[in-house]
């Protein structure tokens, strides 16, 4: 089973990486086309666990600690067989 985990900054938390990317895009031929941009981390983890409920619990645990800093980041994940 594969866990796909996306982590990003919570609303209101400064995101200098996203701001830098936004500025680069604005300075390119795509300027004026972006409403919102956020930067984040993406993980794809092949789990040893075959049981979906256990894999979900493991992924939830990994996502909230140690992968995400839950005071400033939020996360979402999906499991793929």
Protein backbone atom coordinates (compact mmCIF):
# COMPACT_ATOMS: atom_id res chain seq x y z
CA UNK A 1 0.00 0.00 0.00
CA UNK A 2 1.25 3.48 -0.83
CA UNK A 3 0.61 6.56 1.29
CA UNK A 4 0.63 9.88 -0.57
CA UNK A 5 1.06 12.70 1.93
CA UNK A 6 0.84 16.44 1.19
CA UNK A 7 1.93 18.97 3.81
CA UNK A 8 1.52 22.73 3.60
CA UNK A 9 1.44 25.84 5.76
CA UNK A 10 -1.75 26.61 7.67
CA UNK A 11 -3.71 29.71 6.68
CA UNK A 12 -2.14 32.84 8.07
CA UNK A 13 1.33 31.32 8.48
CA UNK A 14 3.99 33.16 6.45
CA UNK A 15 5.19 31.11 3.48
CA UNK A 16 8.39 32.73 2.12
CA UNK A 17 9.04 29.88 -0.33
CA UNK A 18 5.61 30.32 -1.90
CA UNK A 19 6.05 34.09 -2.00
CA UNK A 20 9.36 33.71 -3.84
CA UNK A 21 7.73 31.34 -6.34
CA UNK A 22 4.78 33.72 -6.78
CA UNK A 23 7.14 36.59 -7.52
CA UNK A 24 9.06 34.52 -10.07
CA UNK A 25 5.83 33.59 -11.83
CA UNK A 26 4.58 37.18 -11.71
CA UNK A 27 7.85 38.31 -13.31
CA UNK A 28 7.44 35.76 -16.11
CA UNK A 29 5.00 35.70 -19.01
CA UNK A 30 2.42 34.22 -16.62
CA UNK A 31 2.13 37.37 -14.50
CA UNK A 32 -1.34 38.28 -13.31
CA UNK A 33 -2.63 34.72 -13.59
CA UNK A 34 -2.21 33.56 -9.99
CA UNK A 35 -4.74 34.11 -7.22
CA UNK A 36 -3.05 32.01 -4.55
CA UNK A 37 0.07 29.88 -4.30
CA UNK A 38 1.38 27.75 -1.47
CA UNK A 39 4.49 25.64 -1.17
CA UNK A 40 4.64 22.35 0.61
CA UNK A 41 6.12 18.91 0.91
CA UNK A 42 5.00 15.73 -0.81
CA UNK A 43 5.86 12.23 0.33
CA UNK A 44 5.06 8.92 -1.28
CA UNK A 45 5.70 6.09 1.15
CA UNK A 46 5.37 2.38 0.41
CA UNK A 47 3.96 0.86 3.57
CA UNK A 48 4.63 -2.70 4.72
CA UNK A 49 1.15 -2.82 6.29
CA UNK A 50 -1.49 -4.44 4.06
CA UNK A 51 -4.54 -3.80 6.24
CA UNK A 52 -6.16 -0.52 5.16
CA UNK A 53 -7.33 0.53 8.63
CA UNK A 54 -3.90 -0.08 10.16
CA UNK A 55 -2.19 1.64 7.22
CA UNK A 56 -4.49 4.63 7.68
CA UNK A 57 -3.61 4.84 11.39
CA UNK A 58 0.11 4.55 10.63
CA UNK A 59 -0.07 7.23 7.95
CA UNK A 60 -2.03 9.54 10.26
CA UNK A 61 0.66 9.08 12.90
CA UNK A 62 3.54 9.67 10.48
CA UNK A 63 1.87 12.72 9.00
CA UNK A 64 1.16 14.48 12.28
CA UNK A 65 4.54 13.59 13.79
CA UNK A 66 7.32 13.60 12.58
CA UNK A 67 6.55 14.77 9.01
CA UNK A 68 4.36 17.82 9.70
CA UNK A 69 4.90 20.57 12.23
CA UNK A 70 1.24 20.62 13.20
CA UNK A 71 1.42 23.98 14.96
CA UNK A 72 2.12 25.68 11.60
CA UNK A 73 1.38 23.00 8.97
CA UNK A 74 -1.62 21.00 7.91
CA UNK A 75 -1.59 17.73 6.02
CA UNK A 76 -3.76 15.45 3.96
CA UNK A 77 -3.13 11.98 2.65
CA UNK A 78 -4.55 9.20 0.56
CA UNK A 79 -3.82 5.50 0.50
CA UNK A 80 -3.38 3.73 -2.81
CA UNK A 81 -3.39 -0.07 -3.04
